Amino acid sequence: MRTIKFLIAGATLIAAAGVASAASVSGKITKIDPKTDAITLSDGKVFTLPEGIEAETLKVGETVDVTYSGTGPRLRASKIHVVK
């Protein structure tokens, strides 16, 4: 019984860590790099696009909501939503 409680607690912590590592930001696209499938927002952050979203489908000047993970100069987008 004690082992089960420990496993449940561990799984809860792992799930919470996964949720906590994702962040989101909104901004206007200022640059699109189709070679590297990356976009730059007006705040200077550069996001690598997720599988299934091609750089050619986005336009400079569009406002987007980006869900991402990672730190440093290149952030990995997991979801991009164009704000209309």
PDB file of N, CA and C in Angstrom:
ATOM      1  N   MET A   1       0.827  -1.195   0.000  1.00  0.00           N
ATOM      2  CA  MET A   1       0.000   0.000   0.000  1.00  0.00           C
ATOM      3  C   MET A   1       0.871   1.258   0.000  1.00  0.00           C
ATOM      4  N   ARG A   2       1.928   1.223   0.755  1.00  0.00           N
ATOM      5  CA  ARG A   2       2.825   2.372   0.825  1.00  0.00           C
ATOM      6  C   ARG A   2       3.495   2.612  -0.525  1.00  0.00           C
ATOM      7  N   THR A   3       3.844   1.540  -1.223  1.00  0.00           N
ATOM      8  CA  THR A   3       4.472   1.648  -2.532  1.00  0.00           C
ATOM      9  C   THR A   3       3.524   2.296  -3.537  1.00  0.00           C
ATOM     10  N   ILE A   4       2.257   1.930  -3.483  1.00  0.00           N
ATOM     11  CA  ILE A   4       1.274   2.500  -4.400  1.00  0.00           C
ATOM     12  C   ILE A   4       1.137   4.001  -4.166  1.00  0.00           C
ATOM     13  N   LYS A   5       1.070   4.429  -2.931  1.00  0.00           N
ATOM     14  CA  LYS A   5       0.980   5.850  -2.623  1.00  0.00           C
ATOM     15  C   LYS A   5       2.206   6.590  -3.133  1.00  0.00           C
ATOM     16  N   PHE A   6       3.381   5.987  -2.978  1.00  0.00           N
ATOM     17  CA  PHE A   6       4.620   6.597  -3.449  1.00  0.00           C
ATOM     18  C   PHE A   6       4.600   6.736  -4.972  1.00  0.00           C
ATOM     19  N   LEU A   7       4.127   5.696  -5.672  1.00  0.00           N
ATOM     20  CA  LEU A   7       4.066   5.736  -7.131  1.00  0.00           C
ATOM     21  C   LEU A   7       3.073   6.794  -7.620  1.00  0.00           C
ATOM     22  N   ILE A   8       1.941   6.897  -6.947  1.00  0.00           N
ATOM     23  CA  ILE A   8       0.945   7.901  -7.327  1.00  0.00           C
ATOM     24  C   ILE A   8       1.504   9.314  -7.107  1.00  0.00           C
ATOM     25  N   ALA A   9       2.161   9.516  -5.990  1.00  0.00           N
ATOM     26  CA  ALA A   9       2.756  10.825  -5.710  1.00  0.00           C
ATOM     27  C   ALA A   9       3.824  11.164  -6.744  1.00  0.00           C
ATOM     28  N   GLY A  10       4.651  10.200  -7.105  1.00  0.00           N
ATOM     29  CA  GLY A  10       5.689  10.424  -8.108  1.00  0.00           C
ATOM     30  C   GLY A  10       5.103  10.757  -9.469  1.00  0.00           C
ATOM     31  N   ALA A  11       4.059  10.035  -9.866  1.00  0.00           N
ATOM     32  CA  ALA A  11       3.414  10.294 -11.157  1.00  0.00           C
ATOM     33  C   ALA A  11       2.788  11.682 -11.177  1.00  0.00           C
ATOM     34  N   THR A  12       2.208  12.105 -10.061  1.00  0.00           N
ATOM     35  CA  THR A  12       1.617  13.435  -9.975  1.00  0.00           C
ATOM     36  C   THR A  12       2.681  14.512 -10.135  1.00  0.00           C
ATOM     37  N   LEU A  13       3.825  14.335  -9.500  1.00  0.00           N
ATOM     38  CA  LEU A  13       4.912  15.304  -9.620  1.00  0.00           C
ATOM     39  C   LEU A  13       5.436  15.382 -11.044  1.00  0.00           C
ATOM     40  N   ILE A  14       5.572  14.254 -11.694  1.00  0.00           N
ATOM     41  CA  ILE A  14       6.063  14.238 -13.069  1.00  0.00           C
ATOM     42  C   ILE A  14       5.067  14.947 -13.988  1.00  0.00           C
ATOM     43  N   ALA A  15       3.792  14.688 -13.811  1.00  0.00           N
ATOM     44  CA  ALA A  15       2.765  15.339 -14.628  1.00  0.00           C
ATOM     45  C   ALA A  15       2.764  16.849 -14.396  1.00  0.00           C
ATOM     46  N   ALA A  16       2.893  17.261 -13.158  1.00  0.00           N
ATOM     47  CA  ALA A  16       2.920  18.695 -12.840  1.00  0.00           C
ATOM     48  C   ALA A  16       4.150  19.359 -13.428  1.00  0.00           C
ATOM     49  N   ALA A  17       5.278  18.681 -13.433  1.00  0.00           N
ATOM     50  CA  ALA A  17       6.503  19.250 -14.005  1.00  0.00           C
ATOM     51  C   ALA A  17       6.343  19.452 -15.504  1.00  0.00           C
ATOM     52  N   GLY A  18       5.672  18.530 -16.188  1.00  0.00           N
ATOM     53  CA  GLY A  18       5.447  18.670 -17.620  1.00  0.00           C
ATOM     54  C   GLY A  18       4.576  19.865 -17.939  1.00  0.00           C
ATOM     55  N   VAL A  19       3.552  20.087 -17.143  1.00  0.00           N
ATOM     56  CA  VAL A  19       2.665  21.227 -17.346  1.00  0.00           C
ATOM     57  C   VAL A  19       3.390  22.522 -17.027  1.00  0.00           C
ATOM     58  N   ALA A  20       4.184  22.533 -15.983  1.00  0.00           N
ATOM     59  CA  ALA A  20       4.869  23.740 -15.556  1.00  0.00           C
ATOM     60  C   ALA A  20       5.939  24.174 -16.545  1.00  0.00           C
ATOM     61  N   SER A  21       6.491  23.249 -17.331  1.00  0.00           N
ATOM     62  CA  SER A  21       7.563  23.617 -18.234  1.00  0.00           C
ATOM     63  C   SER A  21       7.053  24.278 -19.506  1.00  0.00           C
ATOM     64  N   ALA A  22       5.765  24.182 -19.793  1.00  0.00           N
ATOM     65  CA  ALA A  22       5.201  24.834 -20.969  1.00  0.00           C
ATOM     66  C   ALA A  22       4.822  26.264 -20.612  1.00  0.00           C
ATOM     67  N   ALA A  23       5.067  27.163 -21.538  1.00  0.00           N
ATOM     68  CA  ALA A  23       4.717  28.566 -21.339  1.00  0.00           C
ATOM     69  C   ALA A  23       4.034  29.054 -22.609  1.00  0.00           C
ATOM     70  N   SER A  24       3.438  30.221 -22.534  1.00  0.00           N
ATOM     71  CA  SER A  24       2.818  30.778 -23.738  1.00  0.00           C
ATOM     72  C   SER A  24       3.079  32.273 -23.803  1.00  0.00           C
ATOM     73  N   VAL A  25       3.040  32.771 -25.035  1.00  0.00           N
ATOM     74  CA  VAL A  25       3.276  34.187 -25.276  1.00  0.00           C
ATOM     75  C   VAL A  25       2.485  34.590 -26.519  1.00  0.00           C
ATOM     76  N   SER A  26       2.084  35.844 -26.569  1.00  0.00           N
ATOM     77  CA  SER A  26       1.424  36.395 -27.754  1.00  0.00           C
ATOM     78  C   SER A  26       2.327  37.467 -28.332  1.00  0.00           C
ATOM     79  N   GLY A  27       2.319  37.590 -29.644  1.00  0.00           N
ATOM     80  CA  GLY A  27       3.128  38.623 -30.274  1.00  0.00           C
ATOM     81  C   GLY A  27       2.940  38.648 -31.769  1.00  0.00           C
ATOM     82  N   LYS A  28       3.542  39.651 -32.380  1.00  0.00           N
ATOM     83  CA  LYS A  28       3.455  39.835 -33.820  1.00  0.00           C
ATOM     84  C   LYS A  28       4.693  39.221 -34.469  1.00  0.00           C
ATOM     85  N   ILE A  29       4.487  38.490 -35.555  1.00  0.00           N
ATOM     86  CA  ILE A  29       5.603  37.880 -36.282  1.00  0.00           C
ATOM     87  C   ILE A  29       6.348  38.977 -37.036  1.00  0.00           C
ATOM     88  N   THR A  30       7.665  39.062 -36.802  1.00  0.00           N
ATOM     89  CA  THR A  30       8.489  40.051 -37.503  1.00  0.00           C
ATOM     90  C   THR A  30       9.413  39.416 -38.527  1.00  0.00           C
ATOM     91  N   LYS A  31       9.650  38.098 -38.389  1.00  0.00           N
ATOM     92  CA  LYS A  31      10.551  37.425 -39.323  1.00  0.00           C
ATOM     93  C   LYS A  31      10.151  35.957 -39.410  1.00  0.00           C
ATOM     94  N   ILE A  32      10.233  35.410 -40.617  1.00  0.00           N
ATOM     95  CA  ILE A  32       9.963  33.993 -40.840  1.00  0.00           C
ATOM     96  C   ILE A  32      11.164  33.413 -41.574  1.00  0.00           C
ATOM     97  N   ASP A  33      11.712  32.316 -41.055  1.00  0.00           N
ATOM     98  CA  ASP A  33      12.842  31.643 -41.681  1.00  0.00           C
ATOM     99  C   ASP A  33      12.391  30.256 -42.147  1.00  0.00           C
ATOM    100  N   PRO A  34      12.015  30.124 -43.432  1.00  0.00           N
ATOM    101  CA  PRO A  34      11.531  28.833 -43.916  1.00  0.00           C
ATOM    102  C   PRO A  34      12.614  27.755 -43.947  1.00  0.00           C
ATOM    103  N   LYS A  35      13.880  28.157 -44.020  1.00  0.00           N
ATOM    104  CA  LYS A  35      14.983  27.185 -44.015  1.00  0.00           C
ATOM    105  C   LYS A  35      15.030  26.389 -42.726  1.00  0.00           C
ATOM    106  N   THR A  36      14.852  27.095 -41.617  1.00  0.00           N
ATOM    107  CA  THR A  36      14.943  26.442 -40.307  1.00  0.00           C
ATOM    108  C   THR A  36      13.572  26.231 -39.669  1.00  0.00           C
ATOM    109  N   ASP A  37      12.489  26.569 -40.402  1.00  0.00           N
ATOM    110  CA  ASP A  37      11.132  26.498 -39.856  1.00  0.00           C
ATOM    111  C   ASP A  37      11.054  27.206 -38.510  1.00  0.00           C
ATOM    112  N   ALA A  38      11.421  28.484 -38.520  1.00  0.00           N
ATOM    113  CA  ALA A  38      11.410  29.273 -37.293  1.00  0.00           C
ATOM    114  C   ALA A  38      10.762  30.626 -37.550  1.00  0.00           C
ATOM    115  N   ILE A  39      10.182  31.188 -36.487  1.00  0.00           N
ATOM    116  CA  ILE A  39       9.623  32.529 -36.550  1.00  0.00           C
ATOM    117  C   ILE A  39      10.219  33.368 -35.431  1.00  0.00           C
ATOM    118  N   THR A  40      10.274  34.668 -35.669  1.00  0.00           N
ATOM    119  CA  THR A  40      10.716  35.623 -34.656  1.00  0.00           C
ATOM    120  C   THR A  40       9.549  36.544 -34.364  1.00  0.00           C
ATOM    121  N   LEU A  41       9.293  36.766 -33.074  1.00  0.00           N
ATOM    122  CA  LEU A  41       8.218  37.673 -32.666  1.00  0.00           C
ATOM    123  C   LEU A  41       8.784  39.055 -32.375  1.00  0.00           C
ATOM    124  N   SER A  42       7.905  40.014 -32.220  1.00  0.00           N
ATOM    125  CA  SER A  42       8.304  41.402 -31.993  1.00  0.00           C
ATOM    126  C   SER A  42       9.125  41.595 -30.722  1.00  0.00           C
ATOM    127  N   ASP A  43       9.034  40.658 -29.771  1.00  0.00           N
ATOM    128  CA  ASP A  43       9.842  40.763 -28.547  1.00  0.00           C
ATOM    129  C   ASP A  43      11.240  40.176 -28.734  1.00  0.00           C
ATOM    130  N   GLY A  44      11.546  39.658 -29.945  1.00  0.00           N
ATOM    131  CA  GLY A  44      12.864  39.113 -30.240  1.00  0.00           C
ATOM    132  C   GLY A  44      13.007  37.622 -30.013  1.00  0.00           C
ATOM    133  N   LYS A  45      11.992  36.985 -29.438  1.00  0.00           N
ATOM    134  CA  LYS A  45      12.064  35.544 -29.193  1.00  0.00           C
ATOM    135  C   LYS A  45      11.929  34.786 -30.508  1.00  0.00           C
ATOM    136  N   VAL A  46      12.753  33.737 -30.660  1.00  0.00           N
ATOM    137  CA  VAL A  46      12.740  32.907 -31.860  1.00  0.00           C
ATOM    138  C   VAL A  46      12.186  31.543 -31.488  1.00  0.00           C
ATOM    139  N   PHE A  47      11.207  31.074 -32.262  1.00  0.00           N
ATOM    140  CA  PHE A  47      10.548  29.804 -31.991  1.00  0.00           C
ATOM    141  C   PHE A  47      10.716  28.865 -33.173  1.00  0.00           C
ATOM    142  N   THR A  48      11.154  27.638 -32.895  1.00  0.00           N
ATOM    143  CA  THR A  48      11.178  26.594 -33.905  1.00  0.00           C
ATOM    144  C   THR A  48       9.769  26.041 -33.999  1.00  0.00           C
ATOM    145  N   LEU A  49       9.254  25.931 -35.221  1.00  0.00           N
ATOM    146  CA  LEU A  49       7.878  25.486 -35.420  1.00  0.00           C
ATOM    147  C   LEU A  49       7.733  23.989 -35.180  1.00  0.00           C
ATOM    148  N   PRO A  50       6.567  23.569 -34.679  1.00  0.00           N
ATOM    149  CA  PRO A  50       6.334  22.144 -34.450  1.00  0.00           C
ATOM    150  C   PRO A  50       6.052  21.406 -35.757  1.00  0.00           C
ATOM    151  N   GLU A  51       6.148  20.085 -35.714  1.00  0.00           N
ATOM    152  CA  GLU A  51       5.799  19.266 -36.874  1.00  0.00           C
ATOM    153  C   GLU A  51       4.362  19.575 -37.269  1.00  0.00           C
ATOM    154  N   GLY A  52       4.111  19.656 -38.556  1.00  0.00           N
ATOM    155  CA  GLY A  52       2.761  19.900 -39.035  1.00  0.00           C
ATOM    156  C   GLY A  52       2.459  21.363 -39.310  1.00  0.00           C
ATOM    157  N   ILE A  53       3.308  22.282 -38.861  1.00  0.00           N
ATOM    158  CA  ILE A  53       3.128  23.701 -39.171  1.00  0.00           C
ATOM    159  C   ILE A  53       4.344  24.155 -39.969  1.00  0.00           C
ATOM    160  N   GLU A  54       4.103  24.543 -41.197  1.00  0.00           N
ATOM    161  CA  GLU A  54       5.174  25.001 -42.067  1.00  0.00           C
ATOM    162  C   GLU A  54       5.266  26.522 -42.018  1.00  0.00           C
ATOM    163  N   ALA A  55       6.471  27.042 -42.107  1.00  0.00           N
ATOM    164  CA  ALA A  55       6.691  28.483 -42.048  1.00  0.00           C
ATOM    165  C   ALA A  55       5.919  29.218 -43.136  1.00  0.00           C
ATOM    166  N   GLU A  56       5.741  28.584 -44.280  1.00  0.00           N
ATOM    167  CA  GLU A  56       5.059  29.216 -45.402  1.00  0.00           C
ATOM    168  C   GLU A  56       3.578  29.490 -45.125  1.00  0.00           C
ATOM    169  N   THR A  57       3.001  28.854 -44.107  1.00  0.00           N
ATOM    170  CA  THR A  57       1.587  29.071 -43.791  1.00  0.00           C
ATOM    171  C   THR A  57       1.374  30.308 -42.928  1.00  0.00           C
ATOM    172  N   LEU A  58       2.465  30.899 -42.425  1.00  0.00           N
ATOM    173  CA  LEU A  58       2.382  32.080 -41.571  1.00  0.00           C
ATOM    174  C   LEU A  58       2.844  33.302 -42.355  1.00  0.00           C
ATOM    175  N   LYS A  59       2.461  34.497 -41.865  1.00  0.00           N
ATOM    176  CA  LYS A  59       2.822  35.737 -42.549  1.00  0.00           C
ATOM    177  C   LYS A  59       3.411  36.734 -41.556  1.00  0.00           C
ATOM    178  N   VAL A  60       4.398  37.488 -42.017  1.00  0.00           N
ATOM    179  CA  VAL A  60       4.939  38.581 -41.212  1.00  0.00           C
ATOM    180  C   VAL A  60       3.809  39.567 -40.948  1.00  0.00           C
ATOM    181  N   GLY A  61       3.712  40.014 -39.711  1.00  0.00           N
ATOM    182  CA  GLY A  61       2.669  40.952 -39.317  1.00  0.00           C
ATOM    183  C   GLY A  61       1.493  40.295 -38.618  1.00  0.00           C
ATOM    184  N   GLU A  62       1.361  38.965 -38.751  1.00  0.00           N
ATOM    185  CA  GLU A  62       0.273  38.269 -38.062  1.00  0.00           C
ATOM    186  C   GLU A  62       0.555  38.229 -36.561  1.00  0.00           C
ATOM    187  N   THR A  63      -0.510  38.323 -35.778  1.00  0.00           N
ATOM    188  CA  THR A  63      -0.397  38.158 -34.331  1.00  0.00           C
ATOM    189  C   THR A  63      -0.711  36.702 -34.016  1.00  0.00           C
ATOM    190  N   VAL A  64       0.155  36.089 -33.206  1.00  0.00           N
ATOM    191  CA  VAL A  64      -0.002  34.682 -32.873  1.00  0.00           C
ATOM    192  C   VAL A  64       0.115  34.459 -31.371  1.00  0.00           C
ATOM    193  N   ASP A  65      -0.532  33.393 -30.911  1.00  0.00           N
ATOM    194  CA  ASP A  65      -0.344  32.876 -29.557  1.00  0.00           C
ATOM    195  C   ASP A  65       0.525  31.641 -29.716  1.00  0.00           C
ATOM    196  N   VAL A  66       1.639  31.596 -28.987  1.00  0.00           N
ATOM    197  CA  VAL A  66       2.584  30.486 -29.099  1.00  0.00           C
ATOM    198  C   VAL A  66       2.703  29.789 -27.749  1.00  0.00           C
ATOM    199  N   THR A  67       2.484  28.482 -27.728  1.00  0.00           N
ATOM    200  CA  THR A  67       2.759  27.658 -26.557  1.00  0.00           C
ATOM    201  C   THR A  67       4.105  26.997 -26.830  1.00  0.00           C
ATOM    202  N   TYR A  68       5.026  27.090 -25.878  1.00  0.00           N
ATOM    203  CA  TYR A  68       6.383  26.632 -26.134  1.00  0.00           C
ATOM    204  C   TYR A  68       7.031  26.039 -24.893  1.00  0.00           C
ATOM    205  N   SER A  69       8.186  25.423 -25.133  1.00  0.00           N
ATOM    206  CA  SER A  69       9.020  24.931 -24.035  1.00  0.00           C
ATOM    207  C   SER A  69      10.466  25.218 -24.391  1.00  0.00           C
ATOM    208  N   GLY A  70      11.316  25.110 -23.395  1.00  0.00           N
ATOM    209  CA  GLY A  70      12.737  25.326 -23.615  1.00  0.00           C
ATOM    210  C   GLY A  70      13.196  26.670 -23.101  1.00  0.00           C
ATOM    211  N   THR A  71      14.506  26.845 -23.148  1.00  0.00           N
ATOM    212  CA  THR A  71      15.130  28.097 -22.744  1.00  0.00           C
ATOM    213  C   THR A  71      16.236  28.411 -23.737  1.00  0.00           C
ATOM    214  N   GLY A  72      16.791  29.582 -23.621  1.00  0.00           N
ATOM    215  CA  GLY A  72      17.901  29.936 -24.491  1.00  0.00           C
ATOM    216  C   GLY A  72      17.448  30.655 -25.742  1.00  0.00           C
ATOM    217  N   PRO A  73      18.331  30.716 -26.722  1.00  0.00           N
ATOM    218  CA  PRO A  73      18.026  31.498 -27.918  1.00  0.00           C
ATOM    219  C   PRO A  73      16.950  30.870 -28.806  1.00  0.00           C
ATOM    220  N   ARG A  74      16.801  29.552 -28.774  1.00  0.00           N
ATOM    221  CA  ARG A  74      15.782  28.884 -29.599  1.00  0.00           C
ATOM    222  C   ARG A  74      14.779  28.174 -28.706  1.00  0.00           C
ATOM    223  N   LEU A  75      13.542  28.548 -28.838  1.00  0.00           N
ATOM    224  CA  LEU A  75      12.468  27.938 -28.068  1.00  0.00           C
ATOM    225  C   LEU A  75      11.674  27.036 -29.001  1.00  0.00           C
ATOM    226  N   ARG A  76      11.170  25.923 -28.483  1.00  0.00           N
ATOM    227  CA  ARG A  76      10.424  24.956 -29.289  1.00  0.00           C
ATOM    228  C   ARG A  76       8.923  25.179 -29.109  1.00  0.00           C
ATOM    229  N   ALA A  77       8.276  25.609 -30.170  1.00  0.00           N
ATOM    230  CA  ALA A  77       6.830  25.818 -30.127  1.00  0.00           C
ATOM    231  C   ALA A  77       6.137  24.465 -30.184  1.00  0.00           C
ATOM    232  N   SER A  78       5.105  24.302 -29.392  1.00  0.00           N
ATOM    233  CA  SER A  78       4.307  23.074 -29.462  1.00  0.00           C
ATOM    234  C   SER A  78       2.946  23.358 -30.094  1.00  0.00           C
ATOM    235  N   LYS A  79       2.543  24.639 -30.070  1.00  0.00           N
ATOM    236  CA  LYS A  79       1.262  25.026 -30.650  1.00  0.00           C
ATOM    237  C   LYS A  79       1.329  26.493 -31.055  1.00  0.00           C
ATOM    238  N   ILE A  80       0.779  26.806 -32.226  1.00  0.00           N
ATOM    239  CA  ILE A  80       0.709  28.185 -32.686  1.00  0.00           C
ATOM    240  C   ILE A  80      -0.703  28.453 -33.166  1.00  0.00           C
ATOM    241  N   HIS A  81      -1.263  29.534 -32.664  1.00  0.00           N
ATOM    242  CA  HIS A  81      -2.625  29.920 -33.040  1.00  0.00           C
ATOM    243  C   HIS A  81      -2.584  31.355 -33.566  1.00  0.00           C
ATOM    244  N   VAL A  82      -3.043  31.554 -34.793  1.00  0.00           N
ATOM    245  CA  VAL A  82      -3.113  32.889 -35.377  1.00  0.00           C
ATOM    246  C   VAL A  82      -4.336  33.592 -34.803  1.00  0.00           C
ATOM    247  N   VAL A  83      -4.109  34.780 -34.247  1.00  0.00           N
ATOM    248  CA  VAL A  83      -5.188  35.585 -33.653  1.00  0.00           C
ATOM    249  C   VAL A  83      -5.804  36.411 -34.769  1.00  0.00           C
ATOM    250  N   LYS A  84      -7.088  36.297 -34.938  1.00  0.00           N
ATOM    251  CA  LYS A  84      -7.787  37.028 -36.011  1.00  0.00           C
ATOM    252  C   LYS A  84      -8.340  38.327 -35.500  1.00  0.00           C
TER     253      LYS A  84
END
